[in-house]
Amino acid sequence: MVYPITVAGVKRELPICNLNENLSIAAFVIFGDVELTCACAGALLEKAPEFDYMVAPEAKAIPLIHEMARQSGRNEYFLVRKKKKAYMNGVFETVDKSITTEGEQMLYMDGADAAKMKGKRILVLDDVISTGGSIASVENLVEQAGGIVVGRMAILAEGDAAKRDDIIFLEPLPLFNADGTVK
């Protein structure tokens, strides 16, 4: 089963994947899809508020934030990591609960990145916003660092996230029953 979608003028068929006996999602993965990544980055930049820096959680949003930085002429962006790295100092951390990850996970921001965010306008990005848990966790880290969140953006808003007025997105994405029908 697939779900056809057009995003930023690019057509794709997303495979429908079961999360449990009651819920399935259409898998949206931009890894390796240069055409889709570039089109979505440009379309999001057209809608973006003024910002100083962008930040995104690893890993699926990495191609998006990189391409948005390239297209906007920015030379720097920040990633929130899922594991502490030896090169990270003065780490900020928070708990994340995502629809696509079982249980809770920790997210980490490098202290050097955090220092650059202090008092700056920060644009928080992700590939898909569903429950909003991941984006809220990233926002928590930005606020701990003293950054000012000026926008929350994603390529797709899944399920009830499409009804939110505090996020900017390109297209809605429904949730599905286990049999692949739209909820």
C-alpha atoms as a PDB file:
ATOM      1  CA  MET A   1       0.000   0.000   0.000  1.00  0.00           C
ATOM      2  CA  VAL A   2       1.187   3.486  -0.831  1.00  0.00           C
ATOM      3  CA  TYR A   3      -0.073   7.016  -0.303  1.00  0.00           C
ATOM      4  CA  PRO A   4       0.404   9.378  -3.287  1.00  0.00           C
ATOM      5  CA  ILE A   5       1.440  12.913  -2.384  1.00  0.00           C
ATOM      6  CA  THR A   6       2.717  16.009  -4.163  1.00  0.00           C
ATOM      7  CA  VAL A   7       5.003  18.252  -2.117  1.00  0.00           C
ATOM      8  CA  ALA A   8       6.612  21.415  -3.499  1.00  0.00           C
ATOM      9  CA  GLY A   9       5.564  20.263  -6.975  1.00  0.00           C
ATOM     10  CA  VAL A  10       7.239  16.861  -6.622  1.00  0.00           C
ATOM     11  CA  LYS A  11       5.109  13.701  -6.755  1.00  0.00           C
ATOM     12  CA  ARG A  12       5.960  10.690  -4.627  1.00  0.00           C
ATOM     13  CA  GLU A  13       4.284   7.488  -3.435  1.00  0.00           C
ATOM     14  CA  LEU A  14       4.870   6.903   0.264  1.00  0.00           C
ATOM     15  CA  PRO A  15       4.798   3.330   1.595  1.00  0.00           C
ATOM     16  CA  ILE A  16       2.278   2.817   4.389  1.00  0.00           C
ATOM     17  CA  CYS A  17       3.939   1.228   7.436  1.00  0.00           C
ATOM     18  CA  ASN A  18       2.235  -0.248  10.500  1.00  0.00           C
ATOM     19  CA  LEU A  19       3.330   1.169  13.858  1.00  0.00           C
ATOM     20  CA  ASN A  20       0.945  -1.052  15.826  1.00  0.00           C
ATOM     21  CA  GLU A  21      -2.402  -2.839  15.389  1.00  0.00           C
ATOM     22  CA  ASN A  22      -4.274   0.490  15.428  1.00  0.00           C
ATOM     23  CA  LEU A  23      -1.972   2.906  13.635  1.00  0.00           C
ATOM     24  CA  SER A  24      -0.062   3.131  10.383  1.00  0.00           C
ATOM     25  CA  ILE A  25       1.867   6.012   8.867  1.00  0.00           C
ATOM     26  CA  ALA A  26       2.995   6.934   5.377  1.00  0.00           C
ATOM     27  CA  ALA A  27       6.790   6.795   5.496  1.00  0.00           C
ATOM     28  CA  PHE A  28       8.267  10.072   4.301  1.00  0.00           C
ATOM     29  CA  VAL A  29      12.036   9.861   3.947  1.00  0.00           C
ATOM     30  CA  ILE A  30      14.041  12.481   2.071  1.00  0.00           C
ATOM     31  CA  PHE A  31      17.381  10.686   2.436  1.00  0.00           C
ATOM     32  CA  GLY A  32      18.796  10.199  -1.046  1.00  0.00           C
ATOM     33  CA  ASP A  33      16.001  12.148  -2.765  1.00  0.00           C
ATOM     34  CA  VAL A  34      17.821  15.242  -3.988  1.00  0.00           C
ATOM     35  CA  GLU A  35      14.967  16.555  -6.142  1.00  0.00           C
ATOM     36  CA  LEU A  36      12.459  16.395  -3.283  1.00  0.00           C
ATOM     37  CA  THR A  37      14.893  17.790  -0.707  1.00  0.00           C
ATOM     38  CA  CYS A  38      15.843  20.782  -2.864  1.00  0.00           C
ATOM     39  CA  ALA A  39      12.230  21.568  -3.800  1.00  0.00           C
ATOM     40  CA  CYS A  40      11.034  21.362  -0.183  1.00  0.00           C
ATOM     41  CA  ALA A  41      13.921  23.482   1.106  1.00  0.00           C
ATOM     42  CA  GLY A  42      13.135  26.237  -1.379  1.00  0.00           C
ATOM     43  CA  ALA A  43       9.409  26.139  -0.639  1.00  0.00           C
ATOM     44  CA  LEU A  44       9.997  26.323   3.122  1.00  0.00           C
ATOM     45  CA  LEU A  45      12.440  29.219   2.759  1.00  0.00           C
ATOM     46  CA  GLU A  46       9.735  31.163   0.897  1.00  0.00           C
ATOM     47  CA  LYS A  47       7.510  30.795   3.999  1.00  0.00           C
ATOM     48  CA  ALA A  48      10.215  31.245   6.652  1.00  0.00           C
ATOM     49  CA  PRO A  49      10.202  34.194   9.052  1.00  0.00           C
ATOM     50  CA  GLU A  50      13.415  36.186   9.525  1.00  0.00           C
ATOM     51  CA  PHE A  51      15.977  34.106  11.430  1.00  0.00           C
ATOM     52  CA  ASP A  52      19.621  34.078  12.476  1.00  0.00           C
ATOM     53  CA  TYR A  53      20.152  30.315  12.765  1.00  0.00           C
ATOM     54  CA  MET A  54      18.359  27.070  12.031  1.00  0.00           C
ATOM     55  CA  VAL A  55      18.349  23.966  14.237  1.00  0.00           C
ATOM     56  CA  ALA A  56      16.981  20.477  13.591  1.00  0.00           C
ATOM     57  CA  PRO A  57      17.029  17.088  15.275  1.00  0.00           C
ATOM     58  CA  GLU A  58      19.083  14.344  13.708  1.00  0.00           C
ATOM     59  CA  ALA A  59      18.695  12.399  11.532  1.00  0.00           C
ATOM     60  CA  LYS A  60      15.934  12.655   8.926  1.00  0.00           C
ATOM     61  CA  ALA A  61      15.947  16.472   8.894  1.00  0.00           C
ATOM     62  CA  ILE A  62      19.680  16.727   8.137  1.00  0.00           C
ATOM     63  CA  PRO A  63      19.362  16.885   4.323  1.00  0.00           C
ATOM     64  CA  LEU A  64      16.604  19.487   4.678  1.00  0.00           C
ATOM     65  CA  ILE A  65      18.483  21.832   7.015  1.00  0.00           C
ATOM     66  CA  HIS A  66      21.644  21.498   4.942  1.00  0.00           C
ATOM     67  CA  GLU A  67      19.839  22.392   1.721  1.00  0.00           C
ATOM     68  CA  MET A  68      17.966  25.266   3.369  1.00  0.00           C
ATOM     69  CA  ALA A  69      21.298  26.631   4.621  1.00  0.00           C
ATOM     70  CA  ARG A  70      22.830  26.272   1.153  1.00  0.00           C
ATOM     71  CA  GLN A  71      19.902  27.932  -0.638  1.00  0.00           C
ATOM     72  CA  SER A  72      19.699  30.782   1.877  1.00  0.00           C
ATOM     73  CA  GLY A  73      23.450  31.447   1.793  1.00  0.00           C
ATOM     74  CA  ARG A  74      23.877  30.500   5.444  1.00  0.00           C
ATOM     75  CA  ASN A  75      27.189  28.958   6.359  1.00  0.00           C
ATOM     76  CA  GLU A  76      26.116  27.486   9.673  1.00  0.00           C
ATOM     77  CA  TYR A  77      23.275  25.498  11.185  1.00  0.00           C
ATOM     78  CA  PHE A  78      22.907  23.364  14.297  1.00  0.00           C
ATOM     79  CA  LEU A  79      21.872  19.789  14.948  1.00  0.00           C
ATOM     80  CA  VAL A  80      20.417  18.327  18.091  1.00  0.00           C
ATOM     81  CA  ARG A  81      21.969  14.901  18.624  1.00  0.00           C
ATOM     82  CA  LYS A  82      20.499  11.629  19.893  1.00  0.00           C
ATOM     83  CA  LYS A  83      23.731  10.639  21.614  1.00  0.00           C
ATOM     84  CA  LYS A  84      26.396  12.685  23.355  1.00  0.00           C
ATOM     85  CA  LYS A  85      29.629  12.808  21.376  1.00  0.00           C
ATOM     86  CA  ALA A  86      33.120  13.053  22.845  1.00  0.00           C
ATOM     87  CA  TYR A  87      33.676  16.412  21.135  1.00  0.00           C
ATOM     88  CA  MET A  88      30.587  17.971  22.756  1.00  0.00           C
ATOM     89  CA  ASN A  89      31.200  20.210  25.786  1.00  0.00           C
ATOM     90  CA  GLY A  90      28.773  21.973  28.124  1.00  0.00           C
ATOM     91  CA  VAL A  91      25.959  19.800  26.828  1.00  0.00           C
ATOM     92  CA  PHE A  92      22.302  20.780  27.180  1.00  0.00           C
ATOM     93  CA  GLU A  93      19.863  17.833  27.268  1.00  0.00           C
ATOM     94  CA  THR A  94      16.159  17.066  27.224  1.00  0.00           C
ATOM     95  CA  VAL A  95      13.783  14.117  26.834  1.00  0.00           C
ATOM     96  CA  ASP A  96      12.057  13.437  23.500  1.00  0.00           C
ATOM     97  CA  LYS A  97       9.077  11.229  22.747  1.00  0.00           C
ATOM     98  CA  SER A  98       8.399  10.713  19.052  1.00  0.00           C
ATOM     99  CA  ILE A  99       5.675   8.764  17.256  1.00  0.00           C
ATOM    100  CA  THR A 100       8.301   6.856  15.229  1.00  0.00           C
ATOM    101  CA  THR A 101      10.597   5.962  18.140  1.00  0.00           C
ATOM    102  CA  GLU A 102       9.644   3.453  20.835  1.00  0.00           C
ATOM    103  CA  GLY A 103       9.769   4.936  24.315  1.00  0.00           C
ATOM    104  CA  GLU A 104      11.613   8.056  25.306  1.00  0.00           C
ATOM    105  CA  GLN A 105      14.995   9.140  24.050  1.00  0.00           C
ATOM    106  CA  MET A 106      17.373  11.875  25.077  1.00  0.00           C
ATOM    107  CA  LEU A 107      18.369  14.782  22.838  1.00  0.00           C
ATOM    108  CA  TYR A 108      21.595  16.735  23.267  1.00  0.00           C
ATOM    109  CA  MET A 109      22.850  20.141  22.158  1.00  0.00           C
ATOM    110  CA  ASP A 110      26.510  21.087  22.156  1.00  0.00           C
ATOM    111  CA  GLY A 111      27.339  23.962  24.503  1.00  0.00           C
ATOM    112  CA  ALA A 112      29.281  25.778  21.762  1.00  0.00           C
ATOM    113  CA  ASP A 113      26.215  25.738  19.517  1.00  0.00           C
ATOM    114  CA  ALA A 114      24.059  26.857  22.427  1.00  0.00           C
ATOM    115  CA  ALA A 115      26.353  29.835  23.087  1.00  0.00           C
ATOM    116  CA  LYS A 116      25.883  31.039  19.494  1.00  0.00           C
ATOM    117  CA  MET A 117      22.088  30.855  19.857  1.00  0.00           C
ATOM    118  CA  LYS A 118      21.848  33.105  22.904  1.00  0.00           C
ATOM    119  CA  GLY A 119      19.640  36.078  22.055  1.00  0.00           C
ATOM    120  CA  LYS A 120      19.360  34.999  18.409  1.00  0.00           C
ATOM    121  CA  ARG A 121      16.281  34.269  16.283  1.00  0.00           C
ATOM    122  CA  ILE A 122      16.080  30.518  15.809  1.00  0.00           C
ATOM    123  CA  LEU A 123      14.113  28.576  13.214  1.00  0.00           C
ATOM    124  CA  VAL A 124      13.327  25.014  14.349  1.00  0.00           C
ATOM    125  CA  LEU A 125      13.011  22.481  11.518  1.00  0.00           C
ATOM    126  CA  ASP A 126      11.965  18.872  11.094  1.00  0.00           C
ATOM    127  CA  ASP A 127      10.924  16.706   8.181  1.00  0.00           C
ATOM    128  CA  VAL A 128       7.519  15.749   9.618  1.00  0.00           C
ATOM    129  CA  ILE A 129       5.658  17.056  12.661  1.00  0.00           C
ATOM    130  CA  SER A 130       3.150  14.577  14.071  1.00  0.00           C
ATOM    131  CA  THR A 131       2.652  14.691  17.822  1.00  0.00           C
ATOM    132  CA  GLY A 132       5.003  17.660  18.073  1.00  0.00           C
ATOM    133  CA  GLY A 133       7.142  15.904  20.676  1.00  0.00           C
ATOM    134  CA  SER A 134      10.445  16.156  18.822  1.00  0.00           C
ATOM    135  CA  ILE A 135      10.007  19.774  17.812  1.00  0.00           C
ATOM    136  CA  ALA A 136       8.998  20.682  21.385  1.00  0.00           C
ATOM    137  CA  SER A 137      12.127  18.962  22.701  1.00  0.00           C
ATOM    138  CA  VAL A 138      14.340  20.887  20.268  1.00  0.00           C
ATOM    139  CA  GLU A 139      12.543  24.090  21.234  1.00  0.00           C
ATOM    140  CA  ASN A 140      13.214  23.295  24.905  1.00  0.00           C
ATOM    141  CA  LEU A 141      16.949  23.060  24.164  1.00  0.00           C
ATOM    142  CA  VAL A 142      16.904  26.324  22.199  1.00  0.00           C
ATOM    143  CA  GLU A 143      15.194  28.058  25.125  1.00  0.00           C
ATOM    144  CA  GLN A 144      17.689  26.554  27.610  1.00  0.00           C
ATOM    145  CA  ALA A 145      20.410  28.064  25.405  1.00  0.00           C
ATOM    146  CA  GLY A 146      18.753  31.495  25.483  1.00  0.00           C
ATOM    147  CA  GLY A 147      17.649  31.407  21.838  1.00  0.00           C
ATOM    148  CA  ILE A 148      14.382  32.918  20.646  1.00  0.00           C
ATOM    149  CA  VAL A 149      12.252  30.529  18.592  1.00  0.00           C
ATOM    150  CA  VAL A 150      10.749  32.540  15.730  1.00  0.00           C
ATOM    151  CA  GLY A 151       9.314  29.642  13.770  1.00  0.00           C
ATOM    152  CA  ARG A 152       8.606  25.923  13.705  1.00  0.00           C
ATOM    153  CA  MET A 153       8.695  24.399  10.232  1.00  0.00           C
ATOM    154  CA  ALA A 154       8.330  20.994   8.618  1.00  0.00           C
ATOM    155  CA  ILE A 155       7.749  19.592   5.185  1.00  0.00           C
ATOM    156  CA  LEU A 156       4.669  17.688   6.357  1.00  0.00           C
ATOM    157  CA  ALA A 157       2.223  18.015   9.252  1.00  0.00           C
ATOM    158  CA  GLU A 158       0.878  14.581  10.113  1.00  0.00           C
ATOM    159  CA  GLY A 159      -2.540  13.879  11.610  1.00  0.00           C
ATOM    160  CA  ASP A 160      -3.791  16.549  14.021  1.00  0.00           C
ATOM    161  CA  ALA A 161      -0.573  18.559  13.601  1.00  0.00           C
ATOM    162  CA  ALA A 162      -2.064  19.895  10.359  1.00  0.00           C
ATOM    163  CA  LYS A 163      -4.660  21.728  12.479  1.00  0.00           C
ATOM    164  CA  ARG A 164      -2.032  23.610  14.490  1.00  0.00           C
ATOM    165  CA  ASP A 165      -1.560  27.309  13.820  1.00  0.00           C
ATOM    166  CA  ASP A 166       1.895  27.526  15.419  1.00  0.00           C
ATOM    167  CA  ILE A 167       3.745  25.544  12.738  1.00  0.00           C
ATOM    168  CA  ILE A 168       4.547  26.239   9.112  1.00  0.00           C
ATOM    169  CA  PHE A 169       4.389  23.257   6.758  1.00  0.00           C
ATOM    170  CA  LEU A 170       4.018  22.478   3.080  1.00  0.00           C
ATOM    171  CA  GLU A 171       1.414  19.698   3.056  1.00  0.00           C
ATOM    172  CA  PRO A 172      -0.786  17.740   5.472  1.00  0.00           C
ATOM    173  CA  LEU A 173      -0.271  13.982   5.819  1.00  0.00           C
ATOM    174  CA  PRO A 174      -3.038  11.795   7.228  1.00  0.00           C
ATOM    175  CA  LEU A 175      -2.602   8.990   9.728  1.00  0.00           C
ATOM    176  CA  PHE A 176      -3.861   5.569   8.703  1.00  0.00           C
ATOM    177  CA  ASN A 177      -5.615   2.588  10.216  1.00  0.00           C
ATOM    178  CA  ALA A 178      -3.718  -0.714  10.260  1.00  0.00           C
ATOM    179  CA  ASP A 179      -5.477  -1.734   7.029  1.00  0.00           C
ATOM    180  CA  GLY A 180      -4.125   1.344   5.218  1.00  0.00           C
ATOM    181  CA  THR A 181      -7.347   3.376   5.181  1.00  0.00           C
ATOM    182  CA  VAL A 182      -7.163   7.007   6.240  1.00  0.00           C
ATOM    183  CA  LYS A 183      -8.140   7.609   9.894  1.00  0.00           C
END
